[in-house]
PDB file of all heavy atoms in Angstrom:
ATOM      1  N   TYR A   1     -11.934   0.931  -6.048  1.00  0.00           N
ATOM      2  CA  TYR A   1     -12.365  -0.332  -5.428  1.00  0.00           C
ATOM      3  C   TYR A   1     -13.292  -0.073  -4.244  1.00  0.00           C
ATOM      4  O   TYR A   1     -14.316  -0.731  -4.092  1.00  0.00           O
ATOM      5  CB  TYR A   1     -11.163  -1.158  -4.981  1.00  0.00           C
ATOM      6  CG  TYR A   1     -11.571  -2.307  -4.092  1.00  0.00           C
ATOM      7  CD1 TYR A   1     -12.223  -3.411  -4.615  1.00  0.00           C
ATOM      8  CD2 TYR A   1     -11.345  -2.269  -2.723  1.00  0.00           C
ATOM      9  CE1 TYR A   1     -12.628  -4.457  -3.807  1.00  0.00           C
ATOM     10  CE2 TYR A   1     -11.748  -3.308  -1.909  1.00  0.00           C
ATOM     11  CZ  TYR A   1     -12.390  -4.395  -2.454  1.00  0.00           C
ATOM     12  OH  TYR A   1     -12.813  -5.412  -1.643  1.00  0.00           O
ATOM     13  N   LEU A   2     -12.925   0.887  -3.422  1.00  0.00           N
ATOM     14  CA  LEU A   2     -13.719   1.158  -2.219  1.00  0.00           C
ATOM     15  C   LEU A   2     -15.120   1.657  -2.559  1.00  0.00           C
ATOM     16  O   LEU A   2     -16.052   1.459  -1.783  1.00  0.00           O
ATOM     17  CB  LEU A   2     -12.991   2.148  -1.319  1.00  0.00           C
ATOM     18  CG  LEU A   2     -11.706   1.607  -0.681  1.00  0.00           C
ATOM     19  CD1 LEU A   2     -10.941   2.715   0.005  1.00  0.00           C
ATOM     20  CD2 LEU A   2     -12.012   0.475   0.279  1.00  0.00           C
ATOM     21  N   SER A   3     -15.279   2.314  -3.718  1.00  0.00           N
ATOM     22  CA  SER A   3     -16.627   2.755  -4.084  1.00  0.00           C
ATOM     23  C   SER A   3     -17.424   1.651  -4.760  1.00  0.00           C
ATOM     24  O   SER A   3     -18.635   1.609  -4.624  1.00  0.00           O
ATOM     25  CB  SER A   3     -16.637   3.987  -4.964  1.00  0.00           C
ATOM     26  OG  SER A   3     -15.479   4.238  -5.604  1.00  0.00           O
ATOM     27  N   SER A   4     -16.749   0.733  -5.450  1.00  0.00           N
ATOM     28  CA  SER A   4     -17.472  -0.312  -6.180  1.00  0.00           C
ATOM     29  C   SER A   4     -17.469  -1.664  -5.458  1.00  0.00           C
ATOM     30  O   SER A   4     -18.371  -2.469  -5.666  1.00  0.00           O
ATOM     31  CB  SER A   4     -16.844  -0.511  -7.554  1.00  0.00           C
ATOM     32  OG  SER A   4     -15.571  -1.134  -7.443  1.00  0.00           O
ATOM     33  N   LEU A   5     -16.432  -1.921  -4.660  1.00  0.00           N
ATOM     34  CA  LEU A   5     -16.193  -3.218  -4.019  1.00  0.00           C
ATOM     35  C   LEU A   5     -16.105  -4.354  -5.040  1.00  0.00           C
ATOM     36  O   LEU A   5     -16.366  -5.513  -4.743  1.00  0.00           O
ATOM     37  CB  LEU A   5     -17.238  -3.525  -2.950  1.00  0.00           C
ATOM     38  CG  LEU A   5     -17.234  -2.591  -1.758  1.00  0.00           C
ATOM     39  CD1 LEU A   5     -18.321  -2.972  -0.771  1.00  0.00           C
ATOM     40  CD2 LEU A   5     -15.877  -2.562  -1.066  1.00  0.00           C
ATOM     41  N   ASN A   6     -15.714  -3.991  -6.254  1.00  0.00           N
ATOM     42  CA  ASN A   6     -15.506  -4.958  -7.323  1.00  0.00           C
ATOM     43  C   ASN A   6     -14.020  -5.335  -7.318  1.00  0.00           C
ATOM     44  O   ASN A   6     -13.165  -4.481  -7.489  1.00  0.00           O
ATOM     45  CB  ASN A   6     -15.898  -4.333  -8.664  1.00  0.00           C
ATOM     46  CG  ASN A   6     -15.778  -5.295  -9.813  1.00  0.00           C
ATOM     47  OD1 ASN A   6     -15.179  -6.363  -9.698  1.00  0.00           O
ATOM     48  ND2 ASN A   6     -16.345  -4.916 -10.942  1.00  0.00           N
ATOM     49  N   GLU A   7     -13.727  -6.605  -7.142  1.00  0.00           N
ATOM     50  CA  GLU A   7     -12.335  -7.050  -7.038  1.00  0.00           C
ATOM     51  C   GLU A   7     -11.489  -6.657  -8.242  1.00  0.00           C
ATOM     52  O   GLU A   7     -10.278  -6.501  -8.126  1.00  0.00           O
ATOM     53  CB  GLU A   7     -12.267  -8.560  -6.809  1.00  0.00           C
ATOM     54  CG  GLU A   7     -12.696  -8.958  -5.418  1.00  0.00           C
ATOM     55  CD  GLU A   7     -12.520 -10.436  -5.167  1.00  0.00           C
ATOM     56  OE1 GLU A   7     -11.624 -11.057  -5.772  1.00  0.00           O
ATOM     57  OE2 GLU A   7     -13.294 -10.978  -4.354  1.00  0.00           O
ATOM     58  N   GLN A   8     -12.106  -6.494  -9.386  1.00  0.00           N
ATOM     59  CA  GLN A   8     -11.359  -6.093 -10.583  1.00  0.00           C
ATOM     60  C   GLN A   8     -10.819  -4.672 -10.467  1.00  0.00           C
ATOM     61  O   GLN A   8      -9.920  -4.288 -11.206  1.00  0.00           O
ATOM     62  CB  GLN A   8     -12.240  -6.216 -11.824  1.00  0.00           C
ATOM     63  CG  GLN A   8     -12.584  -7.657 -12.148  1.00  0.00           C
ATOM     64  CD  GLN A   8     -13.528  -7.766 -13.336  1.00  0.00           C
ATOM     65  OE1 GLN A   8     -14.355  -6.892 -13.554  1.00  0.00           O
ATOM     66  NE2 GLN A   8     -13.388  -8.843 -14.083  1.00  0.00           N
ATOM     67  N   ASP A   9     -11.361  -3.897  -9.547  1.00  0.00           N
ATOM     68  CA  ASP A   9     -10.909  -2.518  -9.357  1.00  0.00           C
ATOM     69  C   ASP A   9      -9.759  -2.397  -8.358  1.00  0.00           C
ATOM     70  O   ASP A   9      -9.242  -1.303  -8.143  1.00  0.00           O
ATOM     71  CB  ASP A   9     -12.072  -1.635  -8.906  1.00  0.00           C
ATOM     72  CG  ASP A   9     -13.128  -1.469  -9.987  1.00  0.00           C
ATOM     73  OD1 ASP A   9     -12.761  -1.535 -11.176  1.00  0.00           O
ATOM     74  OD2 ASP A   9     -14.304  -1.275  -9.643  1.00  0.00           O
ATOM     75  N   LEU A  10      -9.375  -3.520  -7.750  1.00  0.00           N
ATOM     76  CA  LEU A  10      -8.244  -3.484  -6.815  1.00  0.00           C
ATOM     77  C   LEU A  10      -6.955  -3.155  -7.561  1.00  0.00           C
ATOM     78  O   LEU A  10      -6.713  -3.667  -8.649  1.00  0.00           O
ATOM     79  CB  LEU A  10      -8.063  -4.842  -6.126  1.00  0.00           C
ATOM     80  CG  LEU A  10      -8.844  -5.064  -4.852  1.00  0.00           C
ATOM     81  CD1 LEU A  10      -8.690  -6.521  -4.402  1.00  0.00           C
ATOM     82  CD2 LEU A  10      -8.426  -4.136  -3.763  1.00  0.00           C
ATOM     83  N   VAL A  11      -6.150  -2.313  -6.972  1.00  0.00           N
ATOM     84  CA  VAL A  11      -4.881  -1.905  -7.563  1.00  0.00           C
ATOM     85  C   VAL A  11      -3.757  -2.519  -6.729  1.00  0.00           C
ATOM     86  O   VAL A  11      -3.783  -2.449  -5.496  1.00  0.00           O
ATOM     87  CB  VAL A  11      -4.757  -0.366  -7.547  1.00  0.00           C
ATOM     88  CG1 VAL A  11      -3.418   0.076  -8.078  1.00  0.00           C
ATOM     89  CG2 VAL A  11      -5.884   0.268  -8.324  1.00  0.00           C
ATOM     90  N   SER A  12      -2.795  -3.110  -7.390  1.00  0.00           N
ATOM     91  CA  SER A  12      -1.638  -3.665  -6.702  1.00  0.00           C
ATOM     92  C   SER A  12      -0.762  -2.518  -6.196  1.00  0.00           C
ATOM     93  O   SER A  12      -0.463  -1.581  -6.934  1.00  0.00           O
ATOM     94  CB  SER A  12      -0.846  -4.539  -7.667  1.00  0.00           C
ATOM     95  OG  SER A  12       0.298  -5.032  -7.041  1.00  0.00           O
ATOM     96  N   ILE A  13      -0.369  -2.595  -4.934  1.00  0.00           N
ATOM     97  CA  ILE A  13       0.470  -1.551  -4.340  1.00  0.00           C
ATOM     98  C   ILE A  13       1.695  -2.222  -3.724  1.00  0.00           C
ATOM     99  O   ILE A  13       1.569  -3.163  -2.939  1.00  0.00           O
ATOM    100  CB  ILE A  13      -0.288  -0.776  -3.246  1.00  0.00           C
ATOM    101  CG1 ILE A  13      -1.544  -0.143  -3.828  1.00  0.00           C
ATOM    102  CG2 ILE A  13       0.611   0.280  -2.624  1.00  0.00           C
ATOM    103  CD1 ILE A  13      -2.440   0.489  -2.783  1.00  0.00           C
ATOM    104  N   LYS A  14       2.852  -1.725  -4.072  1.00  0.00           N
ATOM    105  CA  LYS A  14       4.099  -2.246  -3.524  1.00  0.00           C
ATOM    106  C   LYS A  14       4.507  -1.414  -2.308  1.00  0.00           C
ATOM    107  O   LYS A  14       4.145  -0.246  -2.195  1.00  0.00           O
ATOM    108  CB  LYS A  14       5.202  -2.178  -4.570  1.00  0.00           C
ATOM    109  CG  LYS A  14       4.940  -3.031  -5.779  1.00  0.00           C
ATOM    110  CD  LYS A  14       6.059  -2.888  -6.772  1.00  0.00           C
ATOM    111  CE  LYS A  14       5.738  -3.704  -8.017  1.00  0.00           C
ATOM    112  NZ  LYS A  14       6.760  -3.553  -9.036  1.00  0.00           N
ATOM    113  N   LEU A  15       5.267  -2.036  -1.431  1.00  0.00           N
ATOM    114  CA  LEU A  15       5.801  -1.305  -0.276  1.00  0.00           C
ATOM    115  C   LEU A  15       6.563  -0.070  -0.739  1.00  0.00           C
ATOM    116  O   LEU A  15       6.472   0.999  -0.127  1.00  0.00           O
ATOM    117  CB  LEU A  15       6.723  -2.197   0.555  1.00  0.00           C
ATOM    118  CG  LEU A  15       6.071  -3.321   1.339  1.00  0.00           C
ATOM    119  CD1 LEU A  15       7.144  -4.191   1.994  1.00  0.00           C
ATOM    120  CD2 LEU A  15       5.138  -2.773   2.379  1.00  0.00           C
ATOM    121  N   GLU A  16       7.287  -0.224  -1.824  1.00  0.00           N
ATOM    122  CA  GLU A  16       8.088   0.887  -2.354  1.00  0.00           C
ATOM    123  C   GLU A  16       7.206   2.066  -2.760  1.00  0.00           C
ATOM    124  O   GLU A  16       7.587   3.223  -2.563  1.00  0.00           O
ATOM    125  CB  GLU A  16       8.904   0.406  -3.548  1.00  0.00           C
ATOM    126  CG  GLU A  16       9.844   1.452  -4.093  1.00  0.00           C
ATOM    127  CD  GLU A  16      10.680   0.925  -5.245  1.00  0.00           C
ATOM    128  OE1 GLU A  16      10.592  -0.263  -5.583  1.00  0.00           O
ATOM    129  OE2 GLU A  16      11.436   1.740  -5.805  1.00  0.00           O
ATOM    130  N   ASP A  17       6.024   1.777  -3.303  1.00  0.00           N
ATOM    131  CA  ASP A  17       5.099   2.842  -3.692  1.00  0.00           C
ATOM    132  C   ASP A  17       4.694   3.672  -2.471  1.00  0.00           C
ATOM    133  O   ASP A  17       4.707   4.900  -2.502  1.00  0.00           O
ATOM    134  CB  ASP A  17       3.836   2.273  -4.345  1.00  0.00           C
ATOM    135  CG  ASP A  17       4.117   1.527  -5.632  1.00  0.00           C
ATOM    136  OD1 ASP A  17       5.161   1.788  -6.264  1.00  0.00           O
ATOM    137  OD2 ASP A  17       3.290   0.666  -5.997  1.00  0.00           O
ATOM    138  N   ALA A  18       4.312   2.975  -1.410  1.00  0.00           N
ATOM    139  CA  ALA A  18       3.888   3.663  -0.188  1.00  0.00           C
ATOM    140  C   ALA A  18       5.054   4.422   0.426  1.00  0.00           C
ATOM    141  O   ALA A  18       4.899   5.563   0.867  1.00  0.00           O
ATOM    142  CB  ALA A  18       3.324   2.655   0.811  1.00  0.00           C
ATOM    143  N   ALA A  19       6.223   3.803   0.465  1.00  0.00           N
ATOM    144  CA  ALA A  19       7.396   4.442   1.061  1.00  0.00           C
ATOM    145  C   ALA A  19       7.765   5.717   0.310  1.00  0.00           C
ATOM    146  O   ALA A  19       8.038   6.755   0.923  1.00  0.00           O
ATOM    147  CB  ALA A  19       8.573   3.472   1.074  1.00  0.00           C
ATOM    148  N   THR A  20       7.730   5.657  -1.003  1.00  0.00           N
ATOM    149  CA  THR A  20       8.058   6.828  -1.814  1.00  0.00           C
ATOM    150  C   THR A  20       7.040   7.941  -1.586  1.00  0.00           C
ATOM    151  O   THR A  20       7.405   9.090  -1.351  1.00  0.00           O
ATOM    152  CB  THR A  20       8.111   6.454  -3.312  1.00  0.00           C
ATOM    153  OG1 THR A  20       9.102   5.447  -3.490  1.00  0.00           O
ATOM    154  CG2 THR A  20       8.435   7.665  -4.166  1.00  0.00           C
ATOM    155  N   GLU A  21       5.765   7.585  -1.646  1.00  0.00           N
ATOM    156  CA  GLU A  21       4.690   8.570  -1.480  1.00  0.00           C
ATOM    157  C   GLU A  21       4.735   9.230  -0.095  1.00  0.00           C
ATOM    158  O   GLU A  21       4.510  10.423   0.032  1.00  0.00           O
ATOM    159  CB  GLU A  21       3.342   7.881  -1.680  1.00  0.00           C
ATOM    160  CG  GLU A  21       2.152   8.735  -1.390  1.00  0.00           C
ATOM    161  CD  GLU A  21       1.601   9.423  -2.614  1.00  0.00           C
ATOM    162  OE1 GLU A  21       2.018   9.074  -3.728  1.00  0.00           O
ATOM    163  OE2 GLU A  21       0.787  10.315  -2.444  1.00  0.00           O
ATOM    164  N   LEU A  22       5.028   8.443   0.934  1.00  0.00           N
ATOM    165  CA  LEU A  22       5.004   8.964   2.305  1.00  0.00           C
ATOM    166  C   LEU A  22       6.379   9.423   2.793  1.00  0.00           C
ATOM    167  O   LEU A  22       6.519   9.846   3.938  1.00  0.00           O
ATOM    168  CB  LEU A  22       4.442   7.897   3.248  1.00  0.00           C
ATOM    169  CG  LEU A  22       3.017   7.444   2.930  1.00  0.00           C
ATOM    170  CD1 LEU A  22       2.607   6.309   3.844  1.00  0.00           C
ATOM    171  CD2 LEU A  22       2.043   8.602   3.018  1.00  0.00           C
ATOM    172  N   ASN A  23       7.375   9.298   1.912  1.00  0.00           N
ATOM    173  CA  ASN A  23       8.735   9.710   2.249  1.00  0.00           C
ATOM    174  C   ASN A  23       9.256   8.976   3.498  1.00  0.00           C
ATOM    175  O   ASN A  23       9.769   9.596   4.427  1.00  0.00           O
ATOM    176  CB  ASN A  23       8.811  11.229   2.427  1.00  0.00           C
ATOM    177  CG  ASN A  23      10.237  11.738   2.341  1.00  0.00           C
ATOM    178  OD1 ASN A  23      11.076  11.139   1.670  1.00  0.00           O
ATOM    179  ND2 ASN A  23      10.515  12.815   3.034  1.00  0.00           N
ATOM    180  N   LEU A  24       9.060   7.662   3.497  1.00  0.00           N
ATOM    181  CA  LEU A  24       9.510   6.805   4.596  1.00  0.00           C
ATOM    182  C   LEU A  24      10.316   5.650   4.019  1.00  0.00           C
ATOM    183  O   LEU A  24      10.247   5.359   2.829  1.00  0.00           O
ATOM    184  CB  LEU A  24       8.306   6.242   5.364  1.00  0.00           C
ATOM    185  CG  LEU A  24       7.429   7.242   6.107  1.00  0.00           C
ATOM    186  CD1 LEU A  24       6.159   6.564   6.583  1.00  0.00           C
ATOM    187  CD2 LEU A  24       8.176   7.859   7.278  1.00  0.00           C
ATOM    188  N   ALA A  25      11.051   4.982   4.872  1.00  0.00           N
ATOM    189  CA  ALA A  25      11.809   3.806   4.449  1.00  0.00           C
ATOM    190  C   ALA A  25      10.851   2.628   4.239  1.00  0.00           C
ATOM    191  O   ALA A  25       9.821   2.525   4.907  1.00  0.00           O
ATOM    192  CB  ALA A  25      12.846   3.438   5.502  1.00  0.00           C
ATOM    193  N   ILE A  26      11.211   1.765   3.316  1.00  0.00           N
ATOM    194  CA  ILE A  26      10.399   0.575   3.059  1.00  0.00           C
ATOM    195  C   ILE A  26      10.256  -0.250   4.338  1.00  0.00           C
ATOM    196  O   ILE A  26       9.182  -0.770   4.635  1.00  0.00           O
ATOM    197  CB  ILE A  26      11.011  -0.278   1.926  1.00  0.00           C
ATOM    198  CG1 ILE A  26      10.927   0.489   0.604  1.00  0.00           C
ATOM    199  CG2 ILE A  26      10.314  -1.620   1.804  1.00  0.00           C
ATOM    200  CD1 ILE A  26      11.649  -0.177  -0.553  1.00  0.00           C
ATOM    201  N   SER A  27      11.317  -0.348   5.118  1.00  0.00           N
ATOM    202  CA  SER A  27      11.261  -1.129   6.358  1.00  0.00           C
ATOM    203  C   SER A  27      10.277  -0.520   7.352  1.00  0.00           C
ATOM    204  O   SER A  27       9.620  -1.239   8.105  1.00  0.00           O
ATOM    205  CB  SER A  27      12.647  -1.250   6.989  1.00  0.00           C
ATOM    206  OG  SER A  27      13.165   0.027   7.295  1.00  0.00           O
ATOM    207  N   THR A  28      10.124   0.807   7.348  1.00  0.00           N
ATOM    208  CA  THR A  28       9.164   1.463   8.232  1.00  0.00           C
ATOM    209  C   THR A  28       7.746   1.088   7.831  1.00  0.00           C
ATOM    210  O   THR A  28       6.909   0.769   8.680  1.00  0.00           O
ATOM    211  CB  THR A  28       9.335   2.996   8.182  1.00  0.00           C
ATOM    212  OG1 THR A  28      10.660   3.323   8.561  1.00  0.00           O
ATOM    213  CG2 THR A  28       8.340   3.698   9.086  1.00  0.00           C
ATOM    214  N   ILE A  29       7.485   1.093   6.537  1.00  0.00           N
ATOM    215  CA  ILE A  29       6.167   0.707   6.036  1.00  0.00           C
ATOM    216  C   ILE A  29       5.894  -0.759   6.391  1.00  0.00           C
ATOM    217  O   ILE A  29       4.824  -1.107   6.877  1.00  0.00           O
ATOM    218  CB  ILE A  29       6.065   0.900   4.506  1.00  0.00           C
ATOM    219  CG1 ILE A  29       6.323   2.353   4.121  1.00  0.00           C
ATOM    220  CG2 ILE A  29       4.720   0.417   3.985  1.00  0.00           C
ATOM    221  CD1 ILE A  29       5.334   3.347   4.638  1.00  0.00           C
ATOM    222  N   SER A  30       6.871  -1.602   6.184  1.00  0.00           N
ATOM    223  CA  SER A  30       6.725  -3.022   6.476  1.00  0.00           C
ATOM    224  C   SER A  30       6.392  -3.261   7.946  1.00  0.00           C
ATOM    225  O   SER A  30       5.486  -4.031   8.268  1.00  0.00           O
ATOM    226  CB  SER A  30       8.013  -3.757   6.091  1.00  0.00           C
ATOM    227  OG  SER A  30       7.909  -5.118   6.389  1.00  0.00           O
ATOM    228  N   ARG A  31       7.116  -2.600   8.823  1.00  0.00           N
ATOM    229  CA  ARG A  31       6.848  -2.766  10.260  1.00  0.00           C
ATOM    230  C   ARG A  31       5.477  -2.219  10.635  1.00  0.00           C
ATOM    231  O   ARG A  31       4.779  -2.785  11.477  1.00  0.00           O
ATOM    232  CB  ARG A  31       7.924  -2.069  11.093  1.00  0.00           C
ATOM    233  CG  ARG A  31       9.231  -2.816  11.154  1.00  0.00           C
ATOM    234  CD  ARG A  31      10.167  -2.230  12.200  1.00  0.00           C
ATOM    235  NE  ARG A  31      10.386  -0.799  12.052  1.00  0.00           N
ATOM    236  CZ  ARG A  31      11.319  -0.230  11.285  1.00  0.00           C
ATOM    237  NH1 ARG A  31      12.129  -0.985  10.579  1.00  0.00           N
ATOM    238  NH2 ARG A  31      11.449   1.076  11.228  1.00  0.00           N
ATOM    239  N   ALA A  32       5.098  -1.116  10.022  1.00  0.00           N
ATOM    240  CA  ALA A  32       3.819  -0.479  10.358  1.00  0.00           C
ATOM    241  C   ALA A  32       2.621  -1.358   9.976  1.00  0.00           C
ATOM    242  O   ALA A  32       1.611  -1.367  10.681  1.00  0.00           O
ATOM    243  CB  ALA A  32       3.711   0.878   9.676  1.00  0.00           C
ATOM    244  N   ILE A  33       2.727  -2.090   8.872  1.00  0.00           N
ATOM    245  CA  ILE A  33       1.577  -2.874   8.415  1.00  0.00           C
ATOM    246  C   ILE A  33       1.612  -4.332   8.863  1.00  0.00           C
ATOM    247  O   ILE A  33       0.648  -5.069   8.636  1.00  0.00           O
ATOM    248  CB  ILE A  33       1.423  -2.810   6.880  1.00  0.00           C
ATOM    249  CG1 ILE A  33       2.628  -3.436   6.182  1.00  0.00           C
ATOM    250  CG2 ILE A  33       1.197  -1.385   6.427  1.00  0.00           C
ATOM    251  CD1 ILE A  33       2.466  -3.567   4.675  1.00  0.00           C
ATOM    252  N   LYS A  34       2.693  -4.732   9.512  1.00  0.00           N
ATOM    253  CA  LYS A  34       2.820  -6.121   9.951  1.00  0.00           C
ATOM    254  C   LYS A  34       1.619  -6.506  10.824  1.00  0.00           C
ATOM    255  O   LYS A  34       1.282  -5.823  11.777  1.00  0.00           O
ATOM    256  CB  LYS A  34       4.112  -6.306  10.739  1.00  0.00           C
ATOM    257  CG  LYS A  34       4.370  -7.737  11.144  1.00  0.00           C
ATOM    258  CD  LYS A  34       5.697  -7.820  11.874  1.00  0.00           C
ATOM    259  CE  LYS A  34       6.123  -9.200  12.213  1.00  0.00           C
ATOM    260  NZ  LYS A  34       5.225 -10.012  12.947  1.00  0.00           N
ATOM    261  N   ASP A  35       0.971  -7.596  10.446  1.00  0.00           N
ATOM    262  CA  ASP A  35      -0.177  -8.149  11.177  1.00  0.00           C
ATOM    263  C   ASP A  35      -1.367  -7.195  11.261  1.00  0.00           C
ATOM    264  O   ASP A  35      -2.136  -7.236  12.212  1.00  0.00           O
ATOM    265  CB  ASP A  35       0.231  -8.585  12.592  1.00  0.00           C
ATOM    266  CG  ASP A  35       1.289  -9.674  12.584  1.00  0.00           C
ATOM    267  OD1 ASP A  35       1.255 -10.522  11.671  1.00  0.00           O
ATOM    268  OD2 ASP A  35       2.161  -9.673  13.477  1.00  0.00           O
TER     269      ASP A  35
END
């Protein structure tokens, strides 16, 4: 998406995906991205 800026290339990402990948709690990810 970042190379094309075409909305069809956007990938849905869940909090759980980020938490698993970064080895953090879902609540930590949630607080980090709030606002």
